[in-house]
Amino acid sequence: MVTGVQKKTDQAIIITGAAGGLGQAIVRKCLTLFPDKLIVATDISLPADSLFGDDALIMAMDVTSESSIAAVKQTLESEDIRAW
């Protein structure tokens, strides 16, 4: 279930590698440029503490694992959120 962030829309932008420096910068820029979208910050392993407060949804995802990608997709779809 999507928790910890307010569902602003039925659309999400997924950022991979969000724990790294460039990934963090991209998430922060997307939060500024797309305030009406749910920003999903993913990485293989993310710190327990949110890097982005309640502004972004933090999810673990390994882009080399089809099952990991499918799990994120299923979680979002279960909340009627389309990712792009």
PDB file of N, CA and C in Angstrom:
ATOM      1  N   MET A   1       0.837  -1.180   0.000  1.00  0.00           N
ATOM      2  CA  MET A   1       0.000   0.000   0.000  1.00  0.00           C
ATOM      3  C   MET A   1       0.883   1.245   0.000  1.00  0.00           C
ATOM      4  N   VAL A   2       0.467   2.249  -0.722  1.00  0.00           N
ATOM      5  CA  VAL A   2       1.195   3.512  -0.780  1.00  0.00           C
ATOM      6  C   VAL A   2       0.870   4.292   0.479  1.00  0.00           C
ATOM      7  N   THR A   3       1.882   4.468   1.330  1.00  0.00           N
ATOM      8  CA  THR A   3       1.683   5.200   2.572  1.00  0.00           C
ATOM      9  C   THR A   3       2.799   6.213   2.750  1.00  0.00           C
ATOM     10  N   GLY A   4       2.571   7.178   3.591  1.00  0.00           N
ATOM     11  CA  GLY A   4       3.592   8.160   3.920  1.00  0.00           C
ATOM     12  C   GLY A   4       3.596   9.391   3.044  1.00  0.00           C
ATOM     13  N   VAL A   5       2.935   9.312   1.892  1.00  0.00           N
ATOM     14  CA  VAL A   5       2.843  10.479   1.018  1.00  0.00           C
ATOM     15  C   VAL A   5       1.395  10.669   0.628  1.00  0.00           C
ATOM     16  N   GLN A   6       1.046  11.882   0.374  1.00  0.00           N
ATOM     17  CA  GLN A   6      -0.311  12.193  -0.047  1.00  0.00           C
ATOM     18  C   GLN A   6      -0.462  11.841  -1.525  1.00  0.00           C
ATOM     19  N   LYS A   7      -1.520  11.106  -1.834  1.00  0.00           N
ATOM     20  CA  LYS A   7      -1.790  10.764  -3.231  1.00  0.00           C
ATOM     21  C   LYS A   7      -2.337  12.005  -3.912  1.00  0.00           C
ATOM     22  N   LYS A   8      -1.526  12.602  -4.796  1.00  0.00           N
ATOM     23  CA  LYS A   8      -1.888  13.857  -5.450  1.00  0.00           C
ATOM     24  C   LYS A   8      -2.618  13.618  -6.762  1.00  0.00           C
ATOM     25  N   THR A   9      -2.380  12.472  -7.371  1.00  0.00           N
ATOM     26  CA  THR A   9      -2.862  12.223  -8.710  1.00  0.00           C
ATOM     27  C   THR A   9      -2.887  10.724  -8.955  1.00  0.00           C
ATOM     28  N   ASP A  10      -3.352  10.343 -10.128  1.00  0.00           N
ATOM     29  CA  ASP A  10      -3.303   8.928 -10.481  1.00  0.00           C
ATOM     30  C   ASP A  10      -2.098   8.651 -11.375  1.00  0.00           C
ATOM     31  N   GLN A  11      -1.148   9.574 -11.412  1.00  0.00           N
ATOM     32  CA  GLN A  11       0.058   9.411 -12.225  1.00  0.00           C
ATOM     33  C   GLN A  11       1.300   9.537 -11.353  1.00  0.00           C
ATOM     34  N   ALA A  12       2.296   8.729 -11.699  1.00  0.00           N
ATOM     35  CA  ALA A  12       3.551   8.766 -10.948  1.00  0.00           C
ATOM     36  C   ALA A  12       4.726   8.814 -11.904  1.00  0.00           C
ATOM     37  N   ILE A  13       5.782   9.415 -11.428  1.00  0.00           N
ATOM     38  CA  ILE A  13       7.065   9.400 -12.131  1.00  0.00           C
ATOM     39  C   ILE A  13       8.005   8.574 -11.265  1.00  0.00           C
ATOM     40  N   ILE A  14       8.574   7.524 -11.860  1.00  0.00           N
ATOM     41  CA  ILE A  14       9.479   6.642 -11.125  1.00  0.00           C
ATOM     42  C   ILE A  14      10.919   7.037 -11.462  1.00  0.00           C
ATOM     43  N   ILE A  15      11.702   7.291 -10.418  1.00  0.00           N
ATOM     44  CA  ILE A  15      13.116   7.620 -10.569  1.00  0.00           C
ATOM     45  C   ILE A  15      13.912   6.460  -9.989  1.00  0.00           C
ATOM     46  N   THR A  16      14.772   5.850 -10.805  1.00  0.00           N
ATOM     47  CA  THR A  16      15.625   4.774 -10.314  1.00  0.00           C
ATOM     48  C   THR A  16      16.963   5.349  -9.879  1.00  0.00           C
ATOM     49  N   GLY A  17      17.648   4.630  -9.007  1.00  0.00           N
ATOM     50  CA  GLY A  17      18.941   5.107  -8.517  1.00  0.00           C
ATOM     51  C   GLY A  17      18.825   6.323  -7.631  1.00  0.00           C
ATOM     52  N   ALA A  18      17.723   6.433  -6.920  1.00  0.00           N
ATOM     53  CA  ALA A  18      17.423   7.649  -6.150  1.00  0.00           C
ATOM     54  C   ALA A  18      18.311   7.849  -4.930  1.00  0.00           C
ATOM     55  N   ALA A  19      19.024   6.827  -4.489  1.00  0.00           N
ATOM     56  CA  ALA A  19      19.887   6.993  -3.322  1.00  0.00           C
ATOM     57  C   ALA A  19      21.213   7.650  -3.683  1.00  0.00           C
ATOM     58  N   GLY A  20      21.587   7.607  -4.962  1.00  0.00           N
ATOM     59  CA  GLY A  20      22.840   8.222  -5.398  1.00  0.00           C
ATOM     60  C   GLY A  20      22.707   9.724  -5.558  1.00  0.00           C
ATOM     61  N   GLY A  21      23.816  10.367  -5.730  1.00  0.00           N
ATOM     62  CA  GLY A  21      23.823  11.833  -5.854  1.00  0.00           C
ATOM     63  C   GLY A  21      23.001  12.341  -7.017  1.00  0.00           C
ATOM     64  N   LEU A  22      23.219  11.781  -8.218  1.00  0.00           N
ATOM     65  CA  LEU A  22      22.465  12.210  -9.387  1.00  0.00           C
ATOM     66  C   LEU A  22      20.983  11.855  -9.241  1.00  0.00           C
ATOM     67  N   GLY A  23      20.696  10.658  -8.734  1.00  0.00           N
ATOM     68  CA  GLY A  23      19.307  10.245  -8.525  1.00  0.00           C
ATOM     69  C   GLY A  23      18.587  11.172  -7.558  1.00  0.00           C
ATOM     70  N   GLN A  24      19.253  11.548  -6.480  1.00  0.00           N
ATOM     71  CA  GLN A  24      18.648  12.471  -5.523  1.00  0.00           C
ATOM     72  C   GLN A  24      18.355  13.810  -6.173  1.00  0.00           C
ATOM     73  N   ALA A  25      19.285  14.290  -6.988  1.00  0.00           N
ATOM     74  CA  ALA A  25      19.090  15.578  -7.672  1.00  0.00           C
ATOM     75  C   ALA A  25      17.902  15.504  -8.629  1.00  0.00           C
ATOM     76  N   ILE A  26      17.765  14.387  -9.333  1.00  0.00           N
ATOM     77  CA  ILE A  26      16.648  14.230 -10.263  1.00  0.00           C
ATOM     78  C   ILE A  26      15.328  14.190  -9.513  1.00  0.00           C
ATOM     79  N   VAL A  27      15.286  13.463  -8.400  1.00  0.00           N
ATOM     80  CA  VAL A  27      14.049  13.415  -7.598  1.00  0.00           C
ATOM     81  C   VAL A  27      13.686  14.816  -7.136  1.00  0.00           C
ATOM     82  N   ARG A  28      14.637  15.533  -6.597  1.00  0.00           N
ATOM     83  CA  ARG A  28      14.348  16.893  -6.104  1.00  0.00           C
ATOM     84  C   ARG A  28      13.869  17.812  -7.236  1.00  0.00           C
ATOM     85  N   LYS A  29      14.463  17.698  -8.408  1.00  0.00           N
ATOM     86  CA  LYS A  29      14.045  18.515  -9.551  1.00  0.00           C
ATOM     87  C   LYS A  29      12.628  18.144  -9.977  1.00  0.00           C
ATOM     88  N   CYS A  30      12.318  16.842 -10.014  1.00  0.00           N
ATOM     89  CA  CYS A  30      10.966  16.403 -10.382  1.00  0.00           C
ATOM     90  C   CYS A  30       9.933  16.871  -9.357  1.00  0.00           C
ATOM     91  N   LEU A  31      10.314  16.875  -8.084  1.00  0.00           N
ATOM     92  CA  LEU A  31       9.391  17.371  -7.054  1.00  0.00           C
ATOM     93  C   LEU A  31       9.048  18.836  -7.317  1.00  0.00           C
ATOM     94  N   THR A  32      10.020  19.602  -7.794  1.00  0.00           N
ATOM     95  CA  THR A  32       9.807  21.015  -8.106  1.00  0.00           C
ATOM     96  C   THR A  32       9.022  21.203  -9.399  1.00  0.00           C
ATOM     97  N   LEU A  33       9.406  20.468 -10.437  1.00  0.00           N
ATOM     98  CA  LEU A  33       8.804  20.656 -11.758  1.00  0.00           C
ATOM     99  C   LEU A  33       7.417  20.023 -11.902  1.00  0.00           C
ATOM    100  N   PHE A  34       7.165  18.970 -11.153  1.00  0.00           N
ATOM    101  CA  PHE A  34       5.908  18.231 -11.292  1.00  0.00           C
ATOM    102  C   PHE A  34       5.211  18.070  -9.940  1.00  0.00           C
ATOM    103  N   PRO A  35       4.791  19.165  -9.327  1.00  0.00           N
ATOM    104  CA  PRO A  35       4.192  19.077  -7.989  1.00  0.00           C
ATOM    105  C   PRO A  35       2.867  18.318  -7.966  1.00  0.00           C
ATOM    106  N   ASP A  36       2.256  18.149  -9.132  1.00  0.00           N
ATOM    107  CA  ASP A  36       0.971  17.455  -9.188  1.00  0.00           C
ATOM    108  C   ASP A  36       1.122  15.959  -9.420  1.00  0.00           C
ATOM    109  N   LYS A  37       2.342  15.463  -9.556  1.00  0.00           N
ATOM    110  CA  LYS A  37       2.600  14.040  -9.776  1.00  0.00           C
ATOM    111  C   LYS A  37       3.156  13.402  -8.512  1.00  0.00           C
ATOM    112  N   LEU A  38       2.896  12.119  -8.372  1.00  0.00           N
ATOM    113  CA  LEU A  38       3.517  11.348  -7.305  1.00  0.00           C
ATOM    114  C   LEU A  38       4.912  10.966  -7.787  1.00  0.00           C
ATOM    115  N   ILE A  39       5.924  11.342  -7.039  1.00  0.00           N
ATOM    116  CA  ILE A  39       7.298  11.001  -7.399  1.00  0.00           C
ATOM    117  C   ILE A  39       7.679   9.763  -6.587  1.00  0.00           C
ATOM    118  N   VAL A  40       8.067   8.698  -7.303  1.00  0.00           N
ATOM    119  CA  VAL A  40       8.452   7.443  -6.671  1.00  0.00           C
ATOM    120  C   VAL A  40       9.964   7.315  -6.806  1.00  0.00           C
ATOM    121  N   ALA A  41      10.656   7.364  -5.679  1.00  0.00           N
ATOM    122  CA  ALA A  41      12.113   7.271  -5.651  1.00  0.00           C
ATOM    123  C   ALA A  41      12.491   5.830  -5.339  1.00  0.00           C
ATOM    124  N   THR A  42      13.201   5.178  -6.281  1.00  0.00           N
ATOM    125  CA  THR A  42      13.564   3.778  -6.081  1.00  0.00           C
ATOM    126  C   THR A  42      15.071   3.598  -6.138  1.00  0.00           C
ATOM    127  N   ASP A  43      15.522   2.540  -5.461  1.00  0.00           N
ATOM    128  CA  ASP A  43      16.909   2.136  -5.512  1.00  0.00           C
ATOM    129  C   ASP A  43      16.972   0.699  -5.014  1.00  0.00           C
ATOM    130  N   ILE A  44      18.115   0.034  -5.224  1.00  0.00           N
ATOM    131  CA  ILE A  44      18.261  -1.349  -4.758  1.00  0.00           C
ATOM    132  C   ILE A  44      18.077  -1.391  -3.248  1.00  0.00           C
ATOM    133  N   SER A  45      18.749  -0.513  -2.552  1.00  0.00           N
ATOM    134  CA  SER A  45      18.575  -0.424  -1.101  1.00  0.00           C
ATOM    135  C   SER A  45      18.563   1.051  -0.732  1.00  0.00           C
ATOM    136  N   LEU A  46      17.579   1.417   0.012  1.00  0.00           N
ATOM    137  CA  LEU A  46      17.426   2.813   0.413  1.00  0.00           C
ATOM    138  C   LEU A  46      17.552   2.917   1.922  1.00  0.00           C
ATOM    139  N   PRO A  47      18.055   4.026   2.420  1.00  0.00           N
ATOM    140  CA  PRO A  47      18.132   4.215   3.870  1.00  0.00           C
ATOM    141  C   PRO A  47      16.740   4.147   4.498  1.00  0.00           C
ATOM    142  N   ALA A  48      16.697   3.701   5.735  1.00  0.00           N
ATOM    143  CA  ALA A  48      15.415   3.613   6.444  1.00  0.00           C
ATOM    144  C   ALA A  48      14.757   4.984   6.544  1.00  0.00           C
ATOM    145  N   ASP A  49      15.559   6.006   6.748  1.00  0.00           N
ATOM    146  CA  ASP A  49      15.021   7.365   6.822  1.00  0.00           C
ATOM    147  C   ASP A  49      14.792   7.860   5.402  1.00  0.00           C
ATOM    148  N   SER A  50      13.689   8.512   5.202  1.00  0.00           N
ATOM    149  CA  SER A  50      13.376   9.053   3.877  1.00  0.00           C
ATOM    150  C   SER A  50      14.343  10.164   3.523  1.00  0.00           C
ATOM    151  N   LEU A  51      14.849  10.109   2.321  1.00  0.00           N
ATOM    152  CA  LEU A  51      15.736  11.164   1.831  1.00  0.00           C
ATOM    153  C   LEU A  51      14.964  12.412   1.435  1.00  0.00           C
ATOM    154  N   PHE A  52      13.668  12.240   1.239  1.00  0.00           N
ATOM    155  CA  PHE A  52      12.871  13.325   0.671  1.00  0.00           C
ATOM    156  C   PHE A  52      11.654  13.676   1.524  1.00  0.00           C
ATOM    157  N   GLY A  53      11.686  13.330   2.791  1.00  0.00           N
ATOM    158  CA  GLY A  53      10.540  13.589   3.663  1.00  0.00           C
ATOM    159  C   GLY A  53       9.313  12.858   3.150  1.00  0.00           C
ATOM    160  N   ASP A  54       8.183  13.482   3.262  1.00  0.00           N
ATOM    161  CA  ASP A  54       6.937  12.885   2.781  1.00  0.00           C
ATOM    162  C   ASP A  54       6.594  13.340   1.367  1.00  0.00           C
ATOM    163  N   ASP A  55       7.548  13.976   0.696  1.00  0.00           N
ATOM    164  CA  ASP A  55       7.280  14.498  -0.638  1.00  0.00           C
ATOM    165  C   ASP A  55       7.347  13.436  -1.726  1.00  0.00           C
ATOM    166  N   ALA A  56       8.143  12.393  -1.504  1.00  0.00           N
ATOM    167  CA  ALA A  56       8.294  11.326  -2.494  1.00  0.00           C
ATOM    168  C   ALA A  56       8.030   9.989  -1.830  1.00  0.00           C
ATOM    169  N   LEU A  57       7.526   9.062  -2.607  1.00  0.00           N
ATOM    170  CA  LEU A  57       7.328   7.701  -2.136  1.00  0.00           C
ATOM    171  C   LEU A  57       8.631   6.942  -2.342  1.00  0.00           C
ATOM    172  N   ILE A  58       9.165   6.342  -1.289  1.00  0.00           N
ATOM    173  CA  ILE A  58      10.417   5.613  -1.346  1.00  0.00           C
ATOM    174  C   ILE A  58      10.104   4.126  -1.470  1.00  0.00           C
ATOM    175  N   MET A  59      10.671   3.477  -2.504  1.00  0.00           N
ATOM    176  CA  MET A  59      10.451   2.049  -2.695  1.00  0.00           C
ATOM    177  C   MET A  59      11.764   1.389  -3.106  1.00  0.00           C
ATOM    178  N   ALA A  60      12.009   0.185  -2.588  1.00  0.00           N
ATOM    179  CA  ALA A  60      13.170  -0.588  -3.016  1.00  0.00           C
ATOM    180  C   ALA A  60      12.826  -1.264  -4.338  1.00  0.00           C
ATOM    181  N   MET A  61      13.753  -1.149  -5.311  1.00  0.00           N
ATOM    182  CA  MET A  61      13.563  -1.812  -6.595  1.00  0.00           C
ATOM    183  C   MET A  61      14.926  -2.054  -7.228  1.00  0.00           C
ATOM    184  N   ASP A  62      15.102  -3.276  -7.724  1.00  0.00           N
ATOM    185  CA  ASP A  62      16.311  -3.640  -8.454  1.00  0.00           C
ATOM    186  C   ASP A  62      15.948  -3.664  -9.933  1.00  0.00           C
ATOM    187  N   VAL A  63      16.507  -2.751 -10.711  1.00  0.00           N
ATOM    188  CA  VAL A  63      16.136  -2.649 -12.123  1.00  0.00           C
ATOM    189  C   VAL A  63      16.602  -3.846 -12.946  1.00  0.00           C
ATOM    190  N   THR A  64      17.442  -4.702 -12.371  1.00  0.00           N
ATOM    191  CA  THR A  64      17.880  -5.905 -13.080  1.00  0.00           C
ATOM    192  C   THR A  64      16.999  -7.104 -12.760  1.00  0.00           C
ATOM    193  N   SER A  65      15.977  -6.906 -11.941  1.00  0.00           N
ATOM    194  CA  SER A  65      15.101  -7.998 -11.524  1.00  0.00           C
ATOM    195  C   SER A  65      13.674  -7.735 -12.001  1.00  0.00           C
ATOM    196  N   GLU A  66      13.201  -8.574 -12.897  1.00  0.00           N
ATOM    197  CA  GLU A  66      11.833  -8.409 -13.402  1.00  0.00           C
ATOM    198  C   GLU A  66      10.806  -8.502 -12.288  1.00  0.00           C
ATOM    199  N   SER A  67      11.046  -9.382 -11.317  1.00  0.00           N
ATOM    200  CA  SER A  67      10.080  -9.528 -10.218  1.00  0.00           C
ATOM    201  C   SER A  67      10.063  -8.292  -9.325  1.00  0.00           C
ATOM    202  N   SER A  68      11.210  -7.649  -9.156  1.00  0.00           N
ATOM    203  CA  SER A  68      11.276  -6.429  -8.359  1.00  0.00           C
ATOM    204  C   SER A  68      10.529  -5.293  -9.047  1.00  0.00           C
ATOM    205  N   ILE A  69      10.724  -5.167 -10.350  1.00  0.00           N
ATOM    206  CA  ILE A  69      10.021  -4.144 -11.130  1.00  0.00           C
ATOM    207  C   ILE A  69       8.523  -4.403 -11.105  1.00  0.00           C
ATOM    208  N   ALA A  70       8.146  -5.670 -11.269  1.00  0.00           N
ATOM    209  CA  ALA A  70       6.723  -6.038 -11.264  1.00  0.00           C
ATOM    210  C   ALA A  70       6.087  -5.745  -9.910  1.00  0.00           C
ATOM    211  N   ALA A  71       6.833  -5.923  -8.830  1.00  0.00           N
ATOM    212  CA  ALA A  71       6.289  -5.667  -7.494  1.00  0.00           C
ATOM    213  C   ALA A  71       5.976  -4.185  -7.300  1.00  0.00           C
ATOM    214  N   VAL A  72       6.880  -3.316  -7.772  1.00  0.00           N
ATOM    215  CA  VAL A  72       6.634  -1.874  -7.681  1.00  0.00           C
ATOM    216  C   VAL A  72       5.425  -1.510  -8.532  1.00  0.00           C
ATOM    217  N   LYS A  73       5.387  -2.028  -9.740  1.00  0.00           N
ATOM    218  CA  LYS A  73       4.267  -1.754 -10.643  1.00  0.00           C
ATOM    219  C   LYS A  73       2.951  -2.214 -10.025  1.00  0.00           C
ATOM    220  N   GLN A  74       2.947  -3.409  -9.451  1.00  0.00           N
ATOM    221  CA  GLN A  74       1.728  -3.943  -8.846  1.00  0.00           C
ATOM    222  C   GLN A  74       1.275  -3.092  -7.662  1.00  0.00           C
ATOM    223  N   THR A  75       2.233  -2.638  -6.865  1.00  0.00           N
ATOM    224  CA  THR A  75       1.895  -1.789  -5.716  1.00  0.00           C
ATOM    225  C   THR A  75       1.228  -0.499  -6.186  1.00  0.00           C
ATOM    226  N   LEU A  76       1.799   0.124  -7.198  1.00  0.00           N
ATOM    227  CA  LEU A  76       1.227   1.371  -7.712  1.00  0.00           C
ATOM    228  C   LEU A  76      -0.140   1.131  -8.347  1.00  0.00           C
ATOM    229  N   GLU A  77      -0.243   0.086  -9.157  1.00  0.00           N
ATOM    230  CA  GLU A  77      -1.514  -0.207  -9.816  1.00  0.00           C
ATOM    231  C   GLU A  77      -2.613  -0.551  -8.801  1.00  0.00           C
ATOM    232  N   SER A  78      -2.246  -1.140  -7.683  1.00  0.00           N
ATOM    233  CA  SER A  78      -3.254  -1.465  -6.670  1.00  0.00           C
ATOM    234  C   SER A  78      -3.853  -0.211  -6.049  1.00  0.00           C
ATOM    235  N   GLU A  79      -3.153   0.917  -6.213  1.00  0.00           N
ATOM    236  CA  GLU A  79      -3.646   2.210  -5.728  1.00  0.00           C
ATOM    237  C   GLU A  79      -4.185   3.060  -6.889  1.00  0.00           C
ATOM    238  N   ASP A  80      -4.384   2.426  -8.050  1.00  0.00           N
ATOM    239  CA  ASP A  80      -4.872   3.118  -9.255  1.00  0.00           C
ATOM    240  C   ASP A  80      -3.953   4.244  -9.690  1.00  0.00           C
ATOM    241  N   ILE A  81      -2.664   3.980  -9.620  1.00  0.00           N
ATOM    242  CA  ILE A  81      -1.657   4.957 -10.039  1.00  0.00           C
ATOM    243  C   ILE A  81      -0.958   4.432 -11.283  1.00  0.00           C
ATOM    244  N   ARG A  82      -0.894   5.271 -12.317  1.00  0.00           N
ATOM    245  CA  ARG A  82      -0.180   4.927 -13.551  1.00  0.00           C
ATOM    246  C   ARG A  82       1.204   5.530 -13.495  1.00  0.00           C
ATOM    247  N   ALA A  83       2.197   4.721 -13.812  1.00  0.00           N
ATOM    248  CA  ALA A  83       3.575   5.208 -13.791  1.00  0.00           C
ATOM    249  C   ALA A  83       4.045   5.517 -15.203  1.00  0.00           C
ATOM    250  N   TRP A  84       4.829   6.563 -15.325  1.00  0.00           N
ATOM    251  CA  TRP A  84       5.432   6.930 -16.606  1.00  0.00           C
ATOM    252  C   TRP A  84       6.764   7.586 -16.370  1.00  0.00           C
TER     253      TRP A  84
END
